[in-house]
Amino acid sequence: MVLPYSNTVCMNVFLQELSTTYPGDRIILVCDGASWHSSKDIILPENIQMIFLPPATPEMNPIEQIWKEIHKRGFRNEVFHTLNMVIDRLCEVMSSLSHDVIKSITARDWIIECI
């Protein structure tokens, strides 16, 4: 799924899709300070818990490691002629990341302790 915006509406679509895809799991979602993560209009499914990172701590944000891996695998010294080409490449690279790869590059002791 590719969502067109980073806003509360798209965040709610994402949360519902995540919850529906993993209905039997308890999901701990690590969020940064983006306004759409903490909007009063967020609809949080019962199986999702959000944990918020302290402000100005990108080193604690596991998504930063994912972005580094995506950059390494598919966005090195290349010019894309259209936005659709960027989206296609991003989807291709993200789809190639296995659960084990994601776990290996994002595991943090403080996250594991939350579980």
PDB file of N, CA and C in Angstrom:
ATOM      1  N   MET A   1       0.841  -1.166   0.000  1.00  0.00           N
ATOM      2  CA  MET A   1       0.000   0.000   0.000  1.00  0.00           C
ATOM      3  C   MET A   1       0.894   1.240   0.000  1.00  0.00           C
ATOM      4  N   VAL A   2       0.603   2.152  -0.879  1.00  0.00           N
ATOM      5  CA  VAL A   2       1.301   3.429  -0.927  1.00  0.00           C
ATOM      6  C   VAL A   2       0.278   4.501  -0.586  1.00  0.00           C
ATOM      7  N   LEU A   3       0.551   5.239   0.459  1.00  0.00           N
ATOM      8  CA  LEU A   3      -0.350   6.312   0.875  1.00  0.00           C
ATOM      9  C   LEU A   3       0.186   7.638   0.351  1.00  0.00           C
ATOM     10  N   PRO A   4      -0.699   8.504  -0.134  1.00  0.00           N
ATOM     11  CA  PRO A   4      -0.238   9.709  -0.818  1.00  0.00           C
ATOM     12  C   PRO A   4       0.248  10.843   0.073  1.00  0.00           C
ATOM     13  N   TYR A   5      -0.096  10.795   1.360  1.00  0.00           N
ATOM     14  CA  TYR A   5       0.258  11.915   2.225  1.00  0.00           C
ATOM     15  C   TYR A   5       0.732  11.420   3.584  1.00  0.00           C
ATOM     16  N   SER A   6       1.434  12.273   4.280  1.00  0.00           N
ATOM     17  CA  SER A   6       1.786  12.033   5.681  1.00  0.00           C
ATOM     18  C   SER A   6       0.873  12.922   6.502  1.00  0.00           C
ATOM     19  N   ASN A   7      -0.283  12.376   6.848  1.00  0.00           N
ATOM     20  CA  ASN A   7      -1.247  13.136   7.632  1.00  0.00           C
ATOM     21  C   ASN A   7      -2.083  12.177   8.483  1.00  0.00           C
ATOM     22  N   THR A   8      -2.976  12.708   9.254  1.00  0.00           N
ATOM     23  CA  THR A   8      -3.775  11.901  10.175  1.00  0.00           C
ATOM     24  C   THR A   8      -4.679  10.920   9.432  1.00  0.00           C
ATOM     25  N   VAL A   9      -5.274  11.344   8.347  1.00  0.00           N
ATOM     26  CA  VAL A   9      -6.152  10.455   7.581  1.00  0.00           C
ATOM     27  C   VAL A   9      -5.377   9.229   7.096  1.00  0.00           C
ATOM     28  N   CYS A  10      -4.216   9.455   6.512  1.00  0.00           N
ATOM     29  CA  CYS A  10      -3.403   8.337   6.020  1.00  0.00           C
ATOM     30  C   CYS A  10      -2.860   7.499   7.176  1.00  0.00           C
ATOM     31  N   MET A  11      -2.534   8.135   8.294  1.00  0.00           N
ATOM     32  CA  MET A  11      -2.076   7.390   9.469  1.00  0.00           C
ATOM     33  C   MET A  11      -3.169   6.441   9.951  1.00  0.00           C
ATOM     34  N   ASN A  12      -4.406   6.904   9.967  1.00  0.00           N
ATOM     35  CA  ASN A  12      -5.510   6.040  10.374  1.00  0.00           C
ATOM     36  C   ASN A  12      -5.710   4.876   9.405  1.00  0.00           C
ATOM     37  N   VAL A  13      -5.553   5.123   8.118  1.00  0.00           N
ATOM     38  CA  VAL A  13      -5.628   4.037   7.129  1.00  0.00           C
ATOM     39  C   VAL A  13      -4.525   3.027   7.403  1.00  0.00           C
ATOM     40  N   PHE A  14      -3.306   3.524   7.631  1.00  0.00           N
ATOM     41  CA  PHE A  14      -2.171   2.642   7.932  1.00  0.00           C
ATOM     42  C   PHE A  14      -2.422   1.817   9.191  1.00  0.00           C
ATOM     43  N   LEU A  15      -2.871   2.455  10.262  1.00  0.00           N
ATOM     44  CA  LEU A  15      -3.114   1.743  11.516  1.00  0.00           C
ATOM     45  C   LEU A  15      -4.170   0.653  11.353  1.00  0.00           C
ATOM     46  N   GLN A  16      -5.240   0.958  10.624  1.00  0.00           N
ATOM     47  CA  GLN A  16      -6.287  -0.036  10.406  1.00  0.00           C
ATOM     48  C   GLN A  16      -5.768  -1.202   9.575  1.00  0.00           C
ATOM     49  N   GLU A  17      -4.992  -0.914   8.543  1.00  0.00           N
ATOM     50  CA  GLU A  17      -4.420  -1.964   7.701  1.00  0.00           C
ATOM     51  C   GLU A  17      -3.446  -2.826   8.499  1.00  0.00           C
ATOM     52  N   LEU A  18      -2.618  -2.200   9.303  1.00  0.00           N
ATOM     53  CA  LEU A  18      -1.670  -2.927  10.147  1.00  0.00           C
ATOM     54  C   LEU A  18      -2.407  -3.842  11.120  1.00  0.00           C
ATOM     55  N   SER A  19      -3.424  -3.318  11.765  1.00  0.00           N
ATOM     56  CA  SER A  19      -4.211  -4.094  12.715  1.00  0.00           C
ATOM     57  C   SER A  19      -4.918  -5.267  12.049  1.00  0.00           C
ATOM     58  N   THR A  20      -5.472  -5.027  10.885  1.00  0.00           N
ATOM     59  CA  THR A  20      -6.200  -6.068  10.150  1.00  0.00           C
ATOM     60  C   THR A  20      -5.254  -7.147   9.622  1.00  0.00           C
ATOM     61  N   THR A  21      -4.061  -6.744   9.208  1.00  0.00           N
ATOM     62  CA  THR A  21      -3.084  -7.695   8.674  1.00  0.00           C
ATOM     63  C   THR A  21      -2.540  -8.618   9.764  1.00  0.00           C
ATOM     64  N   TYR A  22      -2.423  -8.105  10.987  1.00  0.00           N
ATOM     65  CA  TYR A  22      -1.882  -8.878  12.109  1.00  0.00           C
ATOM     66  C   TYR A  22      -2.875  -8.889  13.270  1.00  0.00           C
ATOM     67  N   PRO A  23      -4.048  -9.462  13.067  1.00  0.00           N
ATOM     68  CA  PRO A  23      -5.103  -9.369  14.085  1.00  0.00           C
ATOM     69  C   PRO A  23      -4.791 -10.096  15.392  1.00  0.00           C
ATOM     70  N   GLY A  24      -3.981 -11.127  15.344  1.00  0.00           N
ATOM     71  CA  GLY A  24      -3.660 -11.889  16.549  1.00  0.00           C
ATOM     72  C   GLY A  24      -2.431 -11.402  17.283  1.00  0.00           C
ATOM     73  N   ASP A  25      -1.801 -10.370  16.781  1.00  0.00           N
ATOM     74  CA  ASP A  25      -0.558  -9.877  17.372  1.00  0.00           C
ATOM     75  C   ASP A  25      -0.797  -8.614  18.191  1.00  0.00           C
ATOM     76  N   ARG A  26       0.058  -8.435  19.188  1.00  0.00           N
ATOM     77  CA  ARG A  26       0.119  -7.166  19.919  1.00  0.00           C
ATOM     78  C   ARG A  26       1.226  -6.364  19.249  1.00  0.00           C
ATOM     79  N   ILE A  27       0.898  -5.214  18.735  1.00  0.00           N
ATOM     80  CA  ILE A  27       1.838  -4.423  17.947  1.00  0.00           C
ATOM     81  C   ILE A  27       2.277  -3.212  18.756  1.00  0.00           C
ATOM     82  N   ILE A  28       3.591  -3.077  18.912  1.00  0.00           N
ATOM     83  CA  ILE A  28       4.160  -1.898  19.560  1.00  0.00           C
ATOM     84  C   ILE A  28       4.758  -1.053  18.444  1.00  0.00           C
ATOM     85  N   LEU A  29       4.173   0.104  18.217  1.00  0.00           N
ATOM     86  CA  LEU A  29       4.573   0.974  17.126  1.00  0.00           C
ATOM     87  C   LEU A  29       5.374   2.143  17.692  1.00  0.00           C
ATOM     88  N   VAL A  30       6.628   2.222  17.304  1.00  0.00           N
ATOM     89  CA  VAL A  30       7.509   3.294  17.771  1.00  0.00           C
ATOM     90  C   VAL A  30       7.307   4.509  16.865  1.00  0.00           C
ATOM     91  N   CYS A  31       6.952   5.630  17.473  1.00  0.00           N
ATOM     92  CA  CYS A  31       6.630   6.843  16.701  1.00  0.00           C
ATOM     93  C   CYS A  31       7.515   8.003  17.126  1.00  0.00           C
ATOM     94  N   ASP A  32       7.808   8.852  16.153  1.00  0.00           N
ATOM     95  CA  ASP A  32       8.551  10.070  16.465  1.00  0.00           C
ATOM     96  C   ASP A  32       7.568  11.209  16.705  1.00  0.00           C
ATOM     97  N   GLY A  33       8.025  12.422  16.627  1.00  0.00           N
ATOM     98  CA  GLY A  33       7.195  13.562  16.970  1.00  0.00           C
ATOM     99  C   GLY A  33       6.344  14.120  15.847  1.00  0.00           C
ATOM    100  N   ALA A  34       6.168  13.368  14.760  1.00  0.00           N
ATOM    101  CA  ALA A  34       5.339  13.869  13.659  1.00  0.00           C
ATOM    102  C   ALA A  34       3.925  14.161  14.158  1.00  0.00           C
ATOM    103  N   SER A  35       3.380  15.264  13.719  1.00  0.00           N
ATOM    104  CA  SER A  35       2.073  15.698  14.231  1.00  0.00           C
ATOM    105  C   SER A  35       0.972  14.678  13.964  1.00  0.00           C
ATOM    106  N   TRP A  36       1.056  13.948  12.854  1.00  0.00           N
ATOM    107  CA  TRP A  36       0.010  12.974  12.541  1.00  0.00           C
ATOM    108  C   TRP A  36       0.118  11.711  13.405  1.00  0.00           C
ATOM    109  N   HIS A  37       1.209  11.532  14.134  1.00  0.00           N
ATOM    110  CA  HIS A  37       1.319  10.398  15.063  1.00  0.00           C
ATOM    111  C   HIS A  37       0.551  10.643  16.347  1.00  0.00           C
ATOM    112  N   SER A  38       0.408  11.890  16.731  1.00  0.00           N
ATOM    113  CA  SER A  38      -0.215  12.193  18.024  1.00  0.00           C
ATOM    114  C   SER A  38      -1.470  13.055  17.905  1.00  0.00           C
ATOM    115  N   SER A  39      -2.032  13.107  16.730  1.00  0.00           N
ATOM    116  CA  SER A  39      -3.244  13.885  16.512  1.00  0.00           C
ATOM    117  C   SER A  39      -4.381  13.382  17.400  1.00  0.00           C
ATOM    118  N   LYS A  40      -5.237  14.283  17.831  1.00  0.00           N
ATOM    119  CA  LYS A  40      -6.398  13.885  18.639  1.00  0.00           C
ATOM    120  C   LYS A  40      -7.373  13.055  17.812  1.00  0.00           C
ATOM    121  N   ASP A  41      -7.233  13.059  16.500  1.00  0.00           N
ATOM    122  CA  ASP A  41      -8.130  12.317  15.619  1.00  0.00           C
ATOM    123  C   ASP A  41      -7.606  10.928  15.237  1.00  0.00           C
ATOM    124  N   ILE A  42      -6.501  10.507  15.845  1.00  0.00           N
ATOM    125  CA  ILE A  42      -5.983   9.163  15.594  1.00  0.00           C
ATOM    126  C   ILE A  42      -6.973   8.140  16.144  1.00  0.00           C
ATOM    127  N   ILE A  43      -7.237   7.113  15.342  1.00  0.00           N
ATOM    128  CA  ILE A  43      -8.080   5.996  15.769  1.00  0.00           C
ATOM    129  C   ILE A  43      -7.152   4.800  15.952  1.00  0.00           C
ATOM    130  N   LEU A  44      -6.872   4.476  17.208  1.00  0.00           N
ATOM    131  CA  LEU A  44      -5.893   3.446  17.528  1.00  0.00           C
ATOM    132  C   LEU A  44      -6.605   2.106  17.758  1.00  0.00           C
ATOM    133  N   PRO A  45      -6.353   1.118  16.883  1.00  0.00           N
ATOM    134  CA  PRO A  45      -6.944  -0.202  17.087  1.00  0.00           C
ATOM    135  C   PRO A  45      -6.471  -0.819  18.409  1.00  0.00           C
ATOM    136  N   GLU A  46      -7.266  -1.727  18.947  1.00  0.00           N
ATOM    137  CA  GLU A  46      -6.977  -2.307  20.258  1.00  0.00           C
ATOM    138  C   GLU A  46      -5.656  -3.067  20.318  1.00  0.00           C
ATOM    139  N   ASN A  47      -5.228  -3.657  19.213  1.00  0.00           N
ATOM    140  CA  ASN A  47      -4.004  -4.465  19.247  1.00  0.00           C
ATOM    141  C   ASN A  47      -2.737  -3.661  18.947  1.00  0.00           C
ATOM    142  N   ILE A  48      -2.854  -2.347  18.899  1.00  0.00           N
ATOM    143  CA  ILE A  48      -1.686  -1.494  18.645  1.00  0.00           C
ATOM    144  C   ILE A  48      -1.460  -0.558  19.818  1.00  0.00           C
ATOM    145  N   GLN A  49      -0.208  -0.502  20.264  1.00  0.00           N
ATOM    146  CA  GLN A  49       0.209   0.445  21.298  1.00  0.00           C
ATOM    147  C   GLN A  49       1.287   1.324  20.685  1.00  0.00           C
ATOM    148  N   MET A  50       1.159   2.624  20.865  1.00  0.00           N
ATOM    149  CA  MET A  50       2.165   3.546  20.343  1.00  0.00           C
ATOM    150  C   MET A  50       3.094   3.979  21.467  1.00  0.00           C
ATOM    151  N   ILE A  51       4.399   3.932  21.177  1.00  0.00           N
ATOM    152  CA  ILE A  51       5.422   4.414  22.104  1.00  0.00           C
ATOM    153  C   ILE A  51       6.111   5.583  21.399  1.00  0.00           C
ATOM    154  N   PHE A  52       6.231   6.695  22.096  1.00  0.00           N
ATOM    155  CA  PHE A  52       6.786   7.896  21.474  1.00  0.00           C
ATOM    156  C   PHE A  52       8.230   8.127  21.905  1.00  0.00           C
ATOM    157  N   LEU A  53       9.065   8.406  20.915  1.00  0.00           N
ATOM    158  CA  LEU A  53      10.461   8.717  21.171  1.00  0.00           C
ATOM    159  C   LEU A  53      10.574  10.126  21.739  1.00  0.00           C
ATOM    160  N   PRO A  54      11.603  10.364  22.548  1.00  0.00           N
ATOM    161  CA  PRO A  54      11.839  11.733  23.010  1.00  0.00           C
ATOM    162  C   PRO A  54      12.162  12.634  21.811  1.00  0.00           C
ATOM    163  N   PRO A  55      11.877  13.917  21.928  1.00  0.00           N
ATOM    164  CA  PRO A  55      12.185  14.845  20.828  1.00  0.00           C
ATOM    165  C   PRO A  55      13.679  14.864  20.498  1.00  0.00           C
ATOM    166  N   ALA A  56      13.978  15.101  19.236  1.00  0.00           N
ATOM    167  CA  ALA A  56      15.361  15.276  18.746  1.00  0.00           C
ATOM    168  C   ALA A  56      16.271  14.105  19.084  1.00  0.00           C
ATOM    169  N   THR A  57      15.769  12.874  18.862  1.00  0.00           N
ATOM    170  CA  THR A  57      16.584  11.676  19.103  1.00  0.00           C
ATOM    171  C   THR A  57      16.501  10.723  17.907  1.00  0.00           C
ATOM    172  N   PRO A  58      16.945  11.160  16.726  1.00  0.00           N
ATOM    173  CA  PRO A  58      16.848  10.286  15.554  1.00  0.00           C
ATOM    174  C   PRO A  58      17.631   8.983  15.709  1.00  0.00           C
ATOM    175  N   GLU A  59      18.667   9.006  16.537  1.00  0.00           N
ATOM    176  CA  GLU A  59      19.449   7.786  16.741  1.00  0.00           C
ATOM    177  C   GLU A  59      18.647   6.687  17.430  1.00  0.00           C
ATOM    178  N   MET A  60      17.567   7.057  18.100  1.00  0.00           N
ATOM    179  CA  MET A  60      16.710   6.063  18.758  1.00  0.00           C
ATOM    180  C   MET A  60      15.629   5.528  17.824  1.00  0.00           C
ATOM    181  N   ASN A  61      15.432   6.170  16.700  1.00  0.00           N
ATOM    182  CA  ASN A  61      14.336   5.823  15.812  1.00  0.00           C
ATOM    183  C   ASN A  61      14.739   4.680  14.880  1.00  0.00           C
ATOM    184  N   PRO A  62      14.138   3.505  15.046  1.00  0.00           N
ATOM    185  CA  PRO A  62      14.504   2.351  14.217  1.00  0.00           C
ATOM    186  C   PRO A  62      14.287   2.583  12.724  1.00  0.00           C
ATOM    187  N   ILE A  63      13.351   3.440  12.358  1.00  0.00           N
ATOM    188  CA  ILE A  63      13.087   3.669  10.932  1.00  0.00           C
ATOM    189  C   ILE A  63      14.300   4.297  10.242  1.00  0.00           C
ATOM    190  N   GLU A  64      15.112   5.019  10.991  1.00  0.00           N
ATOM    191  CA  GLU A  64      16.306   5.619  10.392  1.00  0.00           C
ATOM    192  C   GLU A  64      17.242   4.534   9.847  1.00  0.00           C
ATOM    193  N   GLN A  65      17.322   3.405  10.536  1.00  0.00           N
ATOM    194  CA  GLN A  65      18.164   2.296  10.068  1.00  0.00           C
ATOM    195  C   GLN A  65      17.561   1.647   8.824  1.00  0.00           C
ATOM    196  N   ILE A  66      16.243   1.587   8.779  1.00  0.00           N
ATOM    197  CA  ILE A  66      15.568   1.042   7.591  1.00  0.00           C
ATOM    198  C   ILE A  66      15.844   1.941   6.386  1.00  0.00           C
ATOM    199  N   TRP A  67      15.763   3.269   6.594  1.00  0.00           N
ATOM    200  CA  TRP A  67      16.029   4.189   5.486  1.00  0.00           C
ATOM    201  C   TRP A  67      17.463   4.032   4.980  1.00  0.00           C
ATOM    202  N   LYS A  68      18.408   3.806   5.897  1.00  0.00           N
ATOM    203  CA  LYS A  68      19.806   3.587   5.474  1.00  0.00           C
ATOM    204  C   LYS A  68      19.912   2.340   4.602  1.00  0.00           C
ATOM    205  N   GLU A  69      19.214   1.287   4.995  1.00  0.00           N
ATOM    206  CA  GLU A  69      19.244   0.038   4.229  1.00  0.00           C
ATOM    207  C   GLU A  69      18.575   0.221   2.866  1.00  0.00           C
ATOM    208  N   ILE A  70      17.476   0.939   2.822  1.00  0.00           N
ATOM    209  CA  ILE A  70      16.789   1.206   1.557  1.00  0.00           C
ATOM    210  C   ILE A  70      17.695   2.021   0.634  1.00  0.00           C
ATOM    211  N   HIS A  71      18.357   3.007   1.192  1.00  0.00           N
ATOM    212  CA  HIS A  71      19.287   3.824   0.401  1.00  0.00           C
ATOM    213  C   HIS A  71      20.400   2.954  -0.175  1.00  0.00           C
ATOM    214  N   LYS A  72      20.957   2.095   0.656  1.00  0.00           N
ATOM    215  CA  LYS A  72      22.063   1.234   0.236  1.00  0.00           C
ATOM    216  C   LYS A  72      21.631   0.279  -0.881  1.00  0.00           C
ATOM    217  N   ARG A  73      20.407  -0.237  -0.795  1.00  0.00           N
ATOM    218  CA  ARG A  73      19.942  -1.234  -1.755  1.00  0.00           C
ATOM    219  C   ARG A  73      19.361  -0.661  -3.048  1.00  0.00           C
ATOM    220  N   GLY A  74      18.906   0.586  -3.038  1.00  0.00           N
ATOM    221  CA  GLY A  74      18.216   1.014  -4.246  1.00  0.00           C
ATOM    222  C   GLY A  74      18.268   2.473  -4.622  1.00  0.00           C
ATOM    223  N   PHE A  75      19.032   3.282  -3.883  1.00  0.00           N
ATOM    224  CA  PHE A  75      19.021   4.716  -4.180  1.00  0.00           C
ATOM    225  C   PHE A  75      20.417   5.322  -4.098  1.00  0.00           C
ATOM    226  N   ARG A  76      21.331   4.737  -4.827  1.00  0.00           N
ATOM    227  CA  ARG A  76      22.702   5.249  -4.837  1.00  0.00           C
ATOM    228  C   ARG A  76      23.021   5.880  -6.186  1.00  0.00           C
ATOM    229  N   ASN A  77      23.337   7.152  -6.170  1.00  0.00           N
ATOM    230  CA  ASN A  77      23.823   7.847  -7.370  1.00  0.00           C
ATOM    231  C   ASN A  77      22.991   7.561  -8.612  1.00  0.00           C
ATOM    232  N   GLU A  78      21.713   7.768  -8.503  1.00  0.00           N
ATOM    233  CA  GLU A  78      20.835   7.523  -9.641  1.00  0.00           C
ATOM    234  C   GLU A  78      19.839   8.668  -9.758  1.00  0.00           C
ATOM    235  N   VAL A  79      19.539   9.037 -10.968  1.00  0.00           N
ATOM    236  CA  VAL A  79      18.542  10.073 -11.228  1.00  0.00           C
ATOM    237  C   VAL A  79      17.268   9.375 -11.700  1.00  0.00           C
ATOM    238  N   PHE A  80      16.158   9.730 -11.083  1.00  0.00           N
ATOM    239  CA  PHE A  80      14.863   9.195 -11.491  1.00  0.00           C
ATOM    240  C   PHE A  80      14.137  10.281 -12.267  1.00  0.00           C
ATOM    241  N   HIS A  81      13.583   9.908 -13.388  1.00  0.00           N
ATOM    242  CA  HIS A  81      12.956  10.893 -14.259  1.00  0.00           C
ATOM    243  C   HIS A  81      11.524  11.233 -13.873  1.00  0.00           C
ATOM    244  N   THR A  82      10.904  10.378 -13.059  1.00  0.00           N
ATOM    245  CA  THR A  82       9.538  10.669 -12.615  1.00  0.00           C
ATOM    246  C   THR A  82       9.379  10.240 -11.161  1.00  0.00           C
ATOM    247  N   LEU A  83       8.406  10.823 -10.507  1.00  0.00           N
ATOM    248  CA  LEU A  83       8.090  10.432  -9.141  1.00  0.00           C
ATOM    249  C   LEU A  83       7.613   8.976  -9.094  1.00  0.00           C
ATOM    250  N   ASN A  84       6.879   8.545 -10.116  1.00  0.00           N
ATOM    251  CA  ASN A  84       6.430   7.146 -10.153  1.00  0.00           C
ATOM    252  C   ASN A  84       7.597   6.169 -10.185  1.00  0.00           C
ATOM    253  N   MET A  85       8.682   6.541 -10.831  1.00  0.00           N
ATOM    254  CA  MET A  85       9.874   5.687 -10.851  1.00  0.00           C
ATOM    255  C   MET A  85      10.471   5.569  -9.442  1.00  0.00           C
ATOM    256  N   VAL A  86      10.453   6.654  -8.692  1.00  0.00           N
ATOM    257  CA  VAL A  86      10.939   6.638  -7.305  1.00  0.00           C
ATOM    258  C   VAL A  86      10.039   5.732  -6.458  1.00  0.00           C
ATOM    259  N   ILE A  87       8.740   5.909  -6.600  1.00  0.00           N
ATOM    260  CA  ILE A  87       7.785   5.096  -5.828  1.00  0.00           C
ATOM    261  C   ILE A  87       7.946   3.623  -6.167  1.00  0.00           C
ATOM    262  N   ASP A  88       8.063   3.306  -7.446  1.00  0.00           N
ATOM    263  CA  ASP A  88       8.236   1.902  -7.856  1.00  0.00           C
ATOM    264  C   ASP A  88       9.498   1.305  -7.255  1.00  0.00           C
ATOM    265  N   ARG A  89      10.598   2.052  -7.304  1.00  0.00           N
ATOM    266  CA  ARG A  89      11.855   1.545  -6.744  1.00  0.00           C
ATOM    267  C   ARG A  89      11.740   1.369  -5.236  1.00  0.00           C
ATOM    268  N   LEU A  90      11.132   2.341  -4.575  1.00  0.00           N
ATOM    269  CA  LEU A  90      10.955   2.258  -3.128  1.00  0.00           C
ATOM    270  C   LEU A  90      10.147   1.020  -2.757  1.00  0.00           C
ATOM    271  N   CYS A  91       9.056   0.785  -3.464  1.00  0.00           N
ATOM    272  CA  CYS A  91       8.235  -0.402  -3.191  1.00  0.00           C
ATOM    273  C   CYS A  91       9.015  -1.688  -3.446  1.00  0.00           C
ATOM    274  N   GLU A  92       9.782  -1.706  -4.514  1.00  0.00           N
ATOM    275  CA  GLU A  92      10.594  -2.876  -4.851  1.00  0.00           C
ATOM    276  C   GLU A  92      11.614  -3.170  -3.752  1.00  0.00           C
ATOM    277  N   VAL A  93      12.324  -2.153  -3.310  1.00  0.00           N
ATOM    278  CA  VAL A  93      13.351  -2.341  -2.286  1.00  0.00           C
ATOM    279  C   VAL A  93      12.722  -2.732  -0.950  1.00  0.00           C
ATOM    280  N   MET A  94      11.654  -2.047  -0.584  1.00  0.00           N
ATOM    281  CA  MET A  94      11.010  -2.363   0.689  1.00  0.00           C
ATOM    282  C   MET A  94      10.466  -3.785   0.695  1.00  0.00           C
ATOM    283  N   SER A  95       9.936  -4.236  -0.435  1.00  0.00           N
ATOM    284  CA  SER A  95       9.410  -5.594  -0.529  1.00  0.00           C
ATOM    285  C   SER A  95      10.513  -6.644  -0.431  1.00  0.00           C
ATOM    286  N   SER A  96      11.723  -6.260  -0.750  1.00  0.00           N
ATOM    287  CA  SER A  96      12.838  -7.212  -0.697  1.00  0.00           C
ATOM    288  C   SER A  96      13.389  -7.398   0.720  1.00  0.00           C
ATOM    289  N   LEU A  97      12.986  -6.534   1.650  1.00  0.00           N
ATOM    290  CA  LEU A  97      13.483  -6.628   3.027  1.00  0.00           C
ATOM    291  C   LEU A  97      12.695  -7.698   3.781  1.00  0.00           C
ATOM    292  N   SER A  98      13.371  -8.743   4.178  1.00  0.00           N
ATOM    293  CA  SER A  98      12.704  -9.814   4.923  1.00  0.00           C
ATOM    294  C   SER A  98      12.478  -9.387   6.370  1.00  0.00           C
ATOM    295  N   HIS A  99      11.611 -10.112   7.047  1.00  0.00           N
ATOM    296  CA  HIS A  99      11.373  -9.833   8.467  1.00  0.00           C
ATOM    297  C   HIS A  99      12.675  -9.951   9.264  1.00  0.00           C
ATOM    298  N   ASP A 100      13.496 -10.946   8.918  1.00  0.00           N
ATOM    299  CA  ASP A 100      14.758 -11.143   9.635  1.00  0.00           C
ATOM    300  C   ASP A 100      15.722  -9.976   9.420  1.00  0.00           C
ATOM    301  N   VAL A 101      15.765  -9.449   8.206  1.00  0.00           N
ATOM    302  CA  VAL A 101      16.640  -8.301   7.923  1.00  0.00           C
ATOM    303  C   VAL A 101      16.158  -7.090   8.707  1.00  0.00           C
ATOM    304  N   ILE A 102      14.865  -6.841   8.672  1.00  0.00           N
ATOM    305  CA  ILE A 102      14.311  -5.699   9.405  1.00  0.00           C
ATOM    306  C   ILE A 102      14.597  -5.840  10.893  1.00  0.00           C
ATOM    307  N   LYS A 103      14.371  -7.026  11.422  1.00  0.00           N
ATOM    308  CA  LYS A 103      14.618  -7.268  12.844  1.00  0.00           C
ATOM    309  C   LYS A 103      16.099  -7.057  13.180  1.00  0.00           C
ATOM    310  N   SER A 104      16.978  -7.524  12.310  1.00  0.00           N
ATOM    311  CA  SER A 104      18.413  -7.429  12.601  1.00  0.00           C
ATOM    312  C   SER A 104      18.924  -5.995  12.598  1.00  0.00           C
ATOM    313  N   ILE A 105      18.341  -5.131  11.760  1.00  0.00           N
ATOM    314  CA  ILE A 105      18.858  -3.761  11.692  1.00  0.00           C
ATOM    315  C   ILE A 105      18.096  -2.779  12.576  1.00  0.00           C
ATOM    316  N   THR A 106      16.966  -3.206  13.131  1.00  0.00           N
ATOM    317  CA  THR A 106      16.198  -2.283  13.967  1.00  0.00           C
ATOM    318  C   THR A 106      16.128  -2.692  15.434  1.00  0.00           C
ATOM    319  N   ALA A 107      16.617  -3.872  15.763  1.00  0.00           N
ATOM    320  CA  ALA A 107      16.529  -4.342  17.148  1.00  0.00           C
ATOM    321  C   ALA A 107      17.270  -3.394  18.087  1.00  0.00           C
ATOM    322  N   ARG A 108      16.583  -2.985  19.113  1.00  0.00           N
ATOM    323  CA  ARG A 108      17.155  -2.139  20.158  1.00  0.00           C
ATOM    324  C   ARG A 108      16.777  -2.765  21.490  1.00  0.00           C
ATOM    325  N   ASP A 109      17.704  -2.758  22.418  1.00  0.00           N
ATOM    326  CA  ASP A 109      17.411  -3.346  23.729  1.00  0.00           C
ATOM    327  C   ASP A 109      16.175  -2.740  24.352  1.00  0.00           C
ATOM    328  N   TRP A 110      16.018  -1.413  24.223  1.00  0.00           N
ATOM    329  CA  TRP A 110      14.873  -0.767  24.883  1.00  0.00           C
ATOM    330  C   TRP A 110      13.560  -1.178  24.232  1.00  0.00           C
ATOM    331  N   ILE A 111      13.577  -1.532  22.953  1.00  0.00           N
ATOM    332  CA  ILE A 111      12.350  -2.006  22.293  1.00  0.00           C
ATOM    333  C   ILE A 111      12.047  -3.422  22.753  1.00  0.00           C
ATOM    334  N   ILE A 112      13.071  -4.263  22.782  1.00  0.00           N
ATOM    335  CA  ILE A 112      12.898  -5.655  23.199  1.00  0.00           C
ATOM    336  C   ILE A 112      12.392  -5.715  24.628  1.00  0.00           C
ATOM    337  N   GLU A 113      12.886  -4.833  25.481  1.00  0.00           N
ATOM    338  CA  GLU A 113      12.421  -4.788  26.872  1.00  0.00           C
ATOM    339  C   GLU A 113      10.952  -4.394  26.992  1.00  0.00           C
ATOM    340  N   CYS A 114      10.441  -3.641  26.020  1.00  0.00           N
ATOM    341  CA  CYS A 114       9.028  -3.262  26.026  1.00  0.00           C
ATOM    342  C   CYS A 114       8.129  -4.473  25.798  1.00  0.00           C
ATOM    343  N   ILE A 115       8.664  -5.464  25.113  1.00  0.00           N
ATOM    344  CA  ILE A 115       7.882  -6.665  24.804  1.00  0.00           C
ATOM    345  C   ILE A 115       7.851  -7.548  26.021  1.00  0.00           C
TER     346      ILE A 115
END
